[in-house]
Amino acid sequence: DNLGCRKRRTSLLKDQKILLFGGAFDPFHKGHLEMLNMVIKSIKINQVLIIPNYMCPNKRKPLLSGKKRIMMVKSIIKDIVTATHNTIHISCSDYEIKQQKVCFTIDTIKMLKDKNKMDDIYLLIGSDNFFSFHLWKDYQAILKRVTLCVVRRDTKPIAIYQNYLTKQGLSAIEKPVFIIGNKPITISSSQVRSKLANNESISDLVPKAVLNIIKK
């Protein structure tokens, strides 16, 4: 189906805590994997839905096609994530790829809530996106529908995060905002792409399954 989940499984999973992890994943790297692991260890999640986007809102053309990025994520789920978190249902959705256009987070969330009305949805983002969250389309509507999970990718003190929430009026929302992690995650997709462009090794930055796909 459109969500990339087995219908047999989804029919059995009701009133769940679903973690939504969206992004370009161009390519999927060890930093993404670490972010996912940190949230799963911090919050009791039943399902994880990873959604590669067709194109970022800034309309930068992806290095890798949507088909290849879907393939990468599915390889990660099969070879690494499922083995580590085998009590959690983890899947990859091609929903945004199939739209063939820029998809805004609020629109994907609305689609998910329509299909999973009784479920709690958690949205995973990195702190590099957190401090511009007030610029996201309908960001207040997003926070009414999901619980925000922010993984630290910097060394800013927690007070800076709190100040941002207060300044943007986000501290008044009903749902909590989780700030997760003590050690910042520094790996980025742009770092991986830069090394690829310079014919440098990326074996220390991406999982083996991703490295094999890129080599092919």
C-alpha atoms as a PDB file:
ATOM      1  CA  ASP A   1       0.000   0.000   0.000  1.00  0.00           C
ATOM      2  CA  ASN A   2       0.994   3.700  -0.134  1.00  0.00           C
ATOM      3  CA  LEU A   3       2.568   3.664   3.322  1.00  0.00           C
ATOM      4  CA  GLY A   4       4.927   0.838   2.484  1.00  0.00           C
ATOM      5  CA  CYS A   5       3.506  -1.312   5.312  1.00  0.00           C
ATOM      6  CA  ARG A   6       2.218  -4.857   5.045  1.00  0.00           C
ATOM      7  CA  LYS A   7      -1.578  -4.770   5.254  1.00  0.00           C
ATOM      8  CA  ARG A   8      -1.593  -7.933   7.333  1.00  0.00           C
ATOM      9  CA  ARG A   9       0.581  -6.270   9.976  1.00  0.00           C
ATOM     10  CA  THR A  10      -1.108  -2.855   9.994  1.00  0.00           C
ATOM     11  CA  SER A  11      -4.506  -4.415  10.536  1.00  0.00           C
ATOM     12  CA  LEU A  12      -3.215  -5.833  13.831  1.00  0.00           C
ATOM     13  CA  LEU A  13      -1.537  -2.656  15.061  1.00  0.00           C
ATOM     14  CA  LYS A  14      -4.003  -0.252  16.658  1.00  0.00           C
ATOM     15  CA  ASP A  15      -3.507   2.768  18.923  1.00  0.00           C
ATOM     16  CA  GLN A  16       0.224   2.721  18.336  1.00  0.00           C
ATOM     17  CA  LYS A  17       3.067   5.178  18.816  1.00  0.00           C
ATOM     18  CA  ILE A  18       4.382   5.816  15.306  1.00  0.00           C
ATOM     19  CA  LEU A  19       7.730   7.522  14.735  1.00  0.00           C
ATOM     20  CA  LEU A  20       7.874   9.439  11.451  1.00  0.00           C
ATOM     21  CA  PHE A  21      11.376   9.999  10.077  1.00  0.00           C
ATOM     22  CA  GLY A  22      11.390  11.970   6.845  1.00  0.00           C
ATOM     23  CA  GLY A  23      14.162  13.539   4.804  1.00  0.00           C
ATOM     24  CA  ALA A  24      16.092  13.407   1.572  1.00  0.00           C
ATOM     25  CA  PHE A  25      18.364  10.571   2.783  1.00  0.00           C
ATOM     26  CA  ASP A  26      20.677  11.516  -0.076  1.00  0.00           C
ATOM     27  CA  PRO A  27      22.319   9.256   0.920  1.00  0.00           C
ATOM     28  CA  PHE A  28      21.249   7.555   4.154  1.00  0.00           C
ATOM     29  CA  HIS A  29      24.267   7.678   6.490  1.00  0.00           C
ATOM     30  CA  LYS A  30      25.367   6.502   9.930  1.00  0.00           C
ATOM     31  CA  GLY A  31      24.199   9.781  11.439  1.00  0.00           C
ATOM     32  CA  HIS A  32      20.621   9.009  10.350  1.00  0.00           C
ATOM     33  CA  LEU A  33      20.915   5.559  11.860  1.00  0.00           C
ATOM     34  CA  GLU A  34      22.257   6.951  15.137  1.00  0.00           C
ATOM     35  CA  MET A  35      19.426   9.498  15.318  1.00  0.00           C
ATOM     36  CA  LEU A  36      16.865   6.753  14.832  1.00  0.00           C
ATOM     37  CA  ASN A  37      18.480   4.516  17.454  1.00  0.00           C
ATOM     38  CA  MET A  38      18.627   7.331  20.007  1.00  0.00           C
ATOM     39  CA  VAL A  39      14.918   8.099  19.740  1.00  0.00           C
ATOM     40  CA  ILE A  40      13.895   4.440  19.849  1.00  0.00           C
ATOM     41  CA  LYS A  41      15.964   3.972  23.015  1.00  0.00           C
ATOM     42  CA  SER A  42      14.512   7.113  24.606  1.00  0.00           C
ATOM     43  CA  ILE A  43      10.817   6.709  23.778  1.00  0.00           C
ATOM     44  CA  LYS A  44       8.661   3.593  23.664  1.00  0.00           C
ATOM     45  CA  ILE A  45       7.823   3.396  19.970  1.00  0.00           C
ATOM     46  CA  ASN A  46       5.766   0.621  18.313  1.00  0.00           C
ATOM     47  CA  GLN A  47       6.269   1.534  14.669  1.00  0.00           C
ATOM     48  CA  VAL A  48       8.793   3.502  12.625  1.00  0.00           C
ATOM     49  CA  LEU A  49       7.932   4.921   9.215  1.00  0.00           C
ATOM     50  CA  ILE A  50      10.874   6.238   7.175  1.00  0.00           C
ATOM     51  CA  ILE A  51       9.785   8.481   4.290  1.00  0.00           C
ATOM     52  CA  PRO A  52      12.346   9.695   1.724  1.00  0.00           C
ATOM     53  CA  ASN A  53      11.117  12.852   0.016  1.00  0.00           C
ATOM     54  CA  TYR A  54      10.896  13.413  -3.726  1.00  0.00           C
ATOM     55  CA  MET A  55      12.606  16.783  -3.438  1.00  0.00           C
ATOM     56  CA  CYS A  56      13.494  19.060  -0.529  1.00  0.00           C
ATOM     57  CA  PRO A  57      11.454  22.272  -0.084  1.00  0.00           C
ATOM     58  CA  ASN A  58      14.598  24.190  -1.160  1.00  0.00           C
ATOM     59  CA  LYS A  59      14.216  22.291  -4.475  1.00  0.00           C
ATOM     60  CA  ARG A  60      17.818  21.075  -4.562  1.00  0.00           C
ATOM     61  CA  LYS A  61      17.901  18.167  -6.990  1.00  0.00           C
ATOM     62  CA  PRO A  62      18.881  14.956  -5.151  1.00  0.00           C
ATOM     63  CA  LEU A  63      22.147  13.256  -6.053  1.00  0.00           C
ATOM     64  CA  LEU A  64      20.456   9.849  -6.034  1.00  0.00           C
ATOM     65  CA  SER A  65      17.119   8.978  -7.606  1.00  0.00           C
ATOM     66  CA  GLY A  66      14.060   8.306  -5.482  1.00  0.00           C
ATOM     67  CA  LYS A  67      14.185   4.639  -6.491  1.00  0.00           C
ATOM     68  CA  LYS A  68      17.771   4.277  -5.254  1.00  0.00           C
ATOM     69  CA  ARG A  69      17.064   6.097  -1.991  1.00  0.00           C
ATOM     70  CA  ILE A  70      14.080   3.831  -1.324  1.00  0.00           C
ATOM     71  CA  MET A  71      16.332   0.851  -2.056  1.00  0.00           C
ATOM     72  CA  MET A  72      18.920   2.158   0.429  1.00  0.00           C
ATOM     73  CA  VAL A  73      16.426   2.625   3.239  1.00  0.00           C
ATOM     74  CA  LYS A  74      14.924  -0.816   2.693  1.00  0.00           C
ATOM     75  CA  SER A  75      18.422  -2.325   2.789  1.00  0.00           C
ATOM     76  CA  ILE A  76      19.090  -0.568   6.103  1.00  0.00           C
ATOM     77  CA  ILE A  77      15.816  -1.861   7.543  1.00  0.00           C
ATOM     78  CA  LYS A  78      16.533  -5.406   6.390  1.00  0.00           C
ATOM     79  CA  ASP A  79      20.207  -5.635   7.330  1.00  0.00           C
ATOM     80  CA  ILE A  80      20.575  -3.441  10.411  1.00  0.00           C
ATOM     81  CA  VAL A  81      17.567  -1.769  11.973  1.00  0.00           C
ATOM     82  CA  THR A  82      15.242  -4.777  12.102  1.00  0.00           C
ATOM     83  CA  ALA A  83      17.982  -6.923  13.643  1.00  0.00           C
ATOM     84  CA  THR A  84      18.602  -4.304  16.356  1.00  0.00           C
ATOM     85  CA  HIS A  85      14.987  -3.418  17.070  1.00  0.00           C
ATOM     86  CA  ASN A  86      13.169  -6.637  16.217  1.00  0.00           C
ATOM     87  CA  THR A  87      10.190  -5.851  18.465  1.00  0.00           C
ATOM     88  CA  ILE A  88       9.351  -2.717  16.460  1.00  0.00           C
ATOM     89  CA  HIS A  89       7.622  -2.693  13.088  1.00  0.00           C
ATOM     90  CA  ILE A  90       9.864  -0.618  10.795  1.00  0.00           C
ATOM     91  CA  SER A  91       8.976   0.208   7.202  1.00  0.00           C
ATOM     92  CA  CYS A  92       9.874   2.519   4.351  1.00  0.00           C
ATOM     93  CA  SER A  93       7.203   4.509   2.534  1.00  0.00           C
ATOM     94  CA  ASP A  94       7.403   5.701  -1.065  1.00  0.00           C
ATOM     95  CA  TYR A  95       4.426   8.009  -0.513  1.00  0.00           C
ATOM     96  CA  GLU A  96       6.311  11.287  -1.074  1.00  0.00           C
ATOM     97  CA  ILE A  97       8.435   9.863  -3.903  1.00  0.00           C
ATOM     98  CA  LYS A  98       5.245   8.900  -5.727  1.00  0.00           C
ATOM     99  CA  GLN A  99       3.886  12.439  -5.473  1.00  0.00           C
ATOM    100  CA  GLN A 100       6.591  13.590  -7.947  1.00  0.00           C
ATOM    101  CA  LYS A 101       6.676  17.026  -6.290  1.00  0.00           C
ATOM    102  CA  VAL A 102       7.768  18.832  -3.142  1.00  0.00           C
ATOM    103  CA  CYS A 103       5.768  17.437  -0.216  1.00  0.00           C
ATOM    104  CA  PHE A 104       5.419  19.486   2.939  1.00  0.00           C
ATOM    105  CA  THR A 105       5.590  17.738   6.302  1.00  0.00           C
ATOM    106  CA  ILE A 106       2.141  18.942   7.349  1.00  0.00           C
ATOM    107  CA  ASP A 107       0.544  17.309   4.293  1.00  0.00           C
ATOM    108  CA  THR A 108       2.197  13.946   4.961  1.00  0.00           C
ATOM    109  CA  ILE A 109       1.196  14.137   8.627  1.00  0.00           C
ATOM    110  CA  LYS A 110      -2.436  14.865   7.707  1.00  0.00           C
ATOM    111  CA  MET A 111      -2.422  11.841   5.413  1.00  0.00           C
ATOM    112  CA  LEU A 112      -1.023   9.668   8.211  1.00  0.00           C
ATOM    113  CA  LYS A 113      -3.528  10.953  10.777  1.00  0.00           C
ATOM    114  CA  ASP A 114      -6.393  10.230   8.370  1.00  0.00           C
ATOM    115  CA  LYS A 115      -5.246   6.625   8.162  1.00  0.00           C
ATOM    116  CA  ASN A 116      -4.245   6.278  11.824  1.00  0.00           C
ATOM    117  CA  LYS A 117      -6.732   8.448  13.746  1.00  0.00           C
ATOM    118  CA  MET A 118      -6.201   6.798  17.137  1.00  0.00           C
ATOM    119  CA  ASP A 119      -2.407   6.576  16.921  1.00  0.00           C
ATOM    120  CA  ASP A 120       0.144   8.925  18.467  1.00  0.00           C
ATOM    121  CA  ILE A 121       2.604  10.233  15.881  1.00  0.00           C
ATOM    122  CA  TYR A 122       6.123  11.355  16.804  1.00  0.00           C
ATOM    123  CA  LEU A 123       8.159  13.422  14.359  1.00  0.00           C
ATOM    124  CA  LEU A 124      11.940  12.952  14.353  1.00  0.00           C
ATOM    125  CA  ILE A 125      14.084  15.887  13.221  1.00  0.00           C
ATOM    126  CA  GLY A 126      17.680  16.958  13.781  1.00  0.00           C
ATOM    127  CA  SER A 127      18.570  20.106  15.680  1.00  0.00           C
ATOM    128  CA  ASP A 128      19.929  21.544  12.410  1.00  0.00           C
ATOM    129  CA  ASN A 129      16.278  21.800  11.319  1.00  0.00           C
ATOM    130  CA  PHE A 130      14.858  22.633  14.737  1.00  0.00           C
ATOM    131  CA  PHE A 131      15.958  26.267  14.915  1.00  0.00           C
ATOM    132  CA  SER A 132      14.198  27.069  11.642  1.00  0.00           C
ATOM    133  CA  PHE A 133      11.075  25.096  12.553  1.00  0.00           C
ATOM    134  CA  HIS A 134       8.991  28.295  12.747  1.00  0.00           C
ATOM    135  CA  LEU A 135       9.599  28.703   8.994  1.00  0.00           C
ATOM    136  CA  TRP A 136       8.045  25.334   8.145  1.00  0.00           C
ATOM    137  CA  LYS A 137       4.677  25.398   6.423  1.00  0.00           C
ATOM    138  CA  ASP A 138       1.879  25.374   9.050  1.00  0.00           C
ATOM    139  CA  TYR A 139       4.368  24.556  11.811  1.00  0.00           C
ATOM    140  CA  GLN A 140       1.812  25.199  14.554  1.00  0.00           C
ATOM    141  CA  ALA A 141      -0.598  22.764  12.903  1.00  0.00           C
ATOM    142  CA  ILE A 142       2.208  20.185  12.859  1.00  0.00           C
ATOM    143  CA  LEU A 143       2.715  20.553  16.611  1.00  0.00           C
ATOM    144  CA  LYS A 144      -1.010  20.054  17.258  1.00  0.00           C
ATOM    145  CA  ARG A 145      -0.848  16.694  15.513  1.00  0.00           C
ATOM    146  CA  VAL A 146       2.527  15.234  16.502  1.00  0.00           C
ATOM    147  CA  THR A 147       5.058  15.108  19.313  1.00  0.00           C
ATOM    148  CA  LEU A 148       8.356  16.610  18.189  1.00  0.00           C
ATOM    149  CA  CYS A 149      11.546  14.619  18.883  1.00  0.00           C
ATOM    150  CA  VAL A 150      14.689  16.692  18.308  1.00  0.00           C
ATOM    151  CA  VAL A 151      18.051  14.912  18.194  1.00  0.00           C
ATOM    152  CA  ARG A 152      20.977  17.167  19.018  1.00  0.00           C
ATOM    153  CA  ARG A 153      23.459  17.686  16.202  1.00  0.00           C
ATOM    154  CA  ASP A 154      25.291  20.533  17.903  1.00  0.00           C
ATOM    155  CA  THR A 155      26.838  21.539  21.232  1.00  0.00           C
ATOM    156  CA  LYS A 156      24.314  24.256  22.092  1.00  0.00           C
ATOM    157  CA  PRO A 157      23.180  24.151  25.741  1.00  0.00           C
ATOM    158  CA  ILE A 158      19.606  23.095  26.468  1.00  0.00           C
ATOM    159  CA  ALA A 159      18.836  26.683  27.519  1.00  0.00           C
ATOM    160  CA  ILE A 160      19.250  27.770  23.874  1.00  0.00           C
ATOM    161  CA  TYR A 161      16.614  25.236  22.855  1.00  0.00           C
ATOM    162  CA  GLN A 162      14.277  26.443  25.593  1.00  0.00           C
ATOM    163  CA  ASN A 163      14.792  30.069  24.581  1.00  0.00           C
ATOM    164  CA  TYR A 164      13.910  29.245  20.981  1.00  0.00           C
ATOM    165  CA  LEU A 165      10.725  27.446  22.053  1.00  0.00           C
ATOM    166  CA  THR A 166       9.698  30.414  24.197  1.00  0.00           C
ATOM    167  CA  LYS A 167      10.584  33.035  21.576  1.00  0.00           C
ATOM    168  CA  GLN A 168       8.560  31.282  18.881  1.00  0.00           C
ATOM    169  CA  GLY A 169       5.648  30.575  21.206  1.00  0.00           C
ATOM    170  CA  LEU A 170       6.193  26.845  20.925  1.00  0.00           C
ATOM    171  CA  SER A 171       6.499  26.308  24.676  1.00  0.00           C
ATOM    172  CA  ALA A 172       2.759  26.911  25.036  1.00  0.00           C
ATOM    173  CA  ILE A 173       1.723  23.916  22.925  1.00  0.00           C
ATOM    174  CA  GLU A 174      -0.038  21.003  24.616  1.00  0.00           C
ATOM    175  CA  LYS A 175       2.292  18.285  23.349  1.00  0.00           C
ATOM    176  CA  PRO A 176       5.848  18.050  24.744  1.00  0.00           C
ATOM    177  CA  VAL A 177       8.996  18.634  22.715  1.00  0.00           C
ATOM    178  CA  PHE A 178      11.705  16.064  23.414  1.00  0.00           C
ATOM    179  CA  ILE A 179      15.346  17.156  23.093  1.00  0.00           C
ATOM    180  CA  ILE A 180      17.383  13.956  22.837  1.00  0.00           C
ATOM    181  CA  GLY A 181      21.101  13.236  23.068  1.00  0.00           C
ATOM    182  CA  ASN A 182      24.158  14.516  24.888  1.00  0.00           C
ATOM    183  CA  LYS A 183      26.773  13.832  22.221  1.00  0.00           C
ATOM    184  CA  PRO A 184      26.154  15.750  18.971  1.00  0.00           C
ATOM    185  CA  ILE A 185      25.874  13.828  15.698  1.00  0.00           C
ATOM    186  CA  THR A 186      28.155  15.487  13.162  1.00  0.00           C
ATOM    187  CA  ILE A 187      27.810  13.283  10.060  1.00  0.00           C
ATOM    188  CA  SER A 188      25.776  14.902   7.280  1.00  0.00           C
ATOM    189  CA  SER A 189      24.628  13.981   3.784  1.00  0.00           C
ATOM    190  CA  SER A 190      26.463  17.010   2.357  1.00  0.00           C
ATOM    191  CA  GLN A 191      29.676  15.692   3.923  1.00  0.00           C
ATOM    192  CA  VAL A 192      29.118  12.321   2.235  1.00  0.00           C
ATOM    193  CA  ARG A 193      28.346  13.943  -1.140  1.00  0.00           C
ATOM    194  CA  SER A 194      31.459  16.128  -0.869  1.00  0.00           C
ATOM    195  CA  LYS A 195      33.665  13.105  -0.288  1.00  0.00           C
ATOM    196  CA  LEU A 196      32.053  11.290  -3.197  1.00  0.00           C
ATOM    197  CA  ALA A 197      32.706  14.278  -5.456  1.00  0.00           C
ATOM    198  CA  ASN A 198      36.377  14.213  -4.441  1.00  0.00           C
ATOM    199  CA  ASN A 199      36.657  10.424  -4.864  1.00  0.00           C
ATOM    200  CA  GLU A 200      37.332   9.999  -1.136  1.00  0.00           C
ATOM    201  CA  SER A 201      36.290   6.992   0.944  1.00  0.00           C
ATOM    202  CA  ILE A 202      32.910   7.186   2.682  1.00  0.00           C
ATOM    203  CA  SER A 203      33.109   3.785   4.396  1.00  0.00           C
ATOM    204  CA  ASP A 204      33.274   5.459   7.816  1.00  0.00           C
ATOM    205  CA  LEU A 205      30.179   7.582   7.110  1.00  0.00           C
ATOM    206  CA  VAL A 206      27.598   5.179   5.649  1.00  0.00           C
ATOM    207  CA  PRO A 207      26.382   1.679   6.535  1.00  0.00           C
ATOM    208  CA  LYS A 208      27.801  -1.152   4.430  1.00  0.00           C
ATOM    209  CA  ALA A 209      24.451  -1.750   2.704  1.00  0.00           C
ATOM    210  CA  VAL A 210      24.448   1.860   1.457  1.00  0.00           C
ATOM    211  CA  LEU A 211      28.105   1.692   0.416  1.00  0.00           C
ATOM    212  CA  ASN A 212      27.394  -1.373  -1.706  1.00  0.00           C
ATOM    213  CA  ILE A 213      24.504   0.357  -3.501  1.00  0.00           C
ATOM    214  CA  ILE A 214      26.581   3.467  -4.203  1.00  0.00           C
ATOM    215  CA  LYS A 215      29.454   1.340  -5.550  1.00  0.00           C
ATOM    216  CA  LYS A 216      27.091  -0.406  -7.959  1.00  0.00           C
END
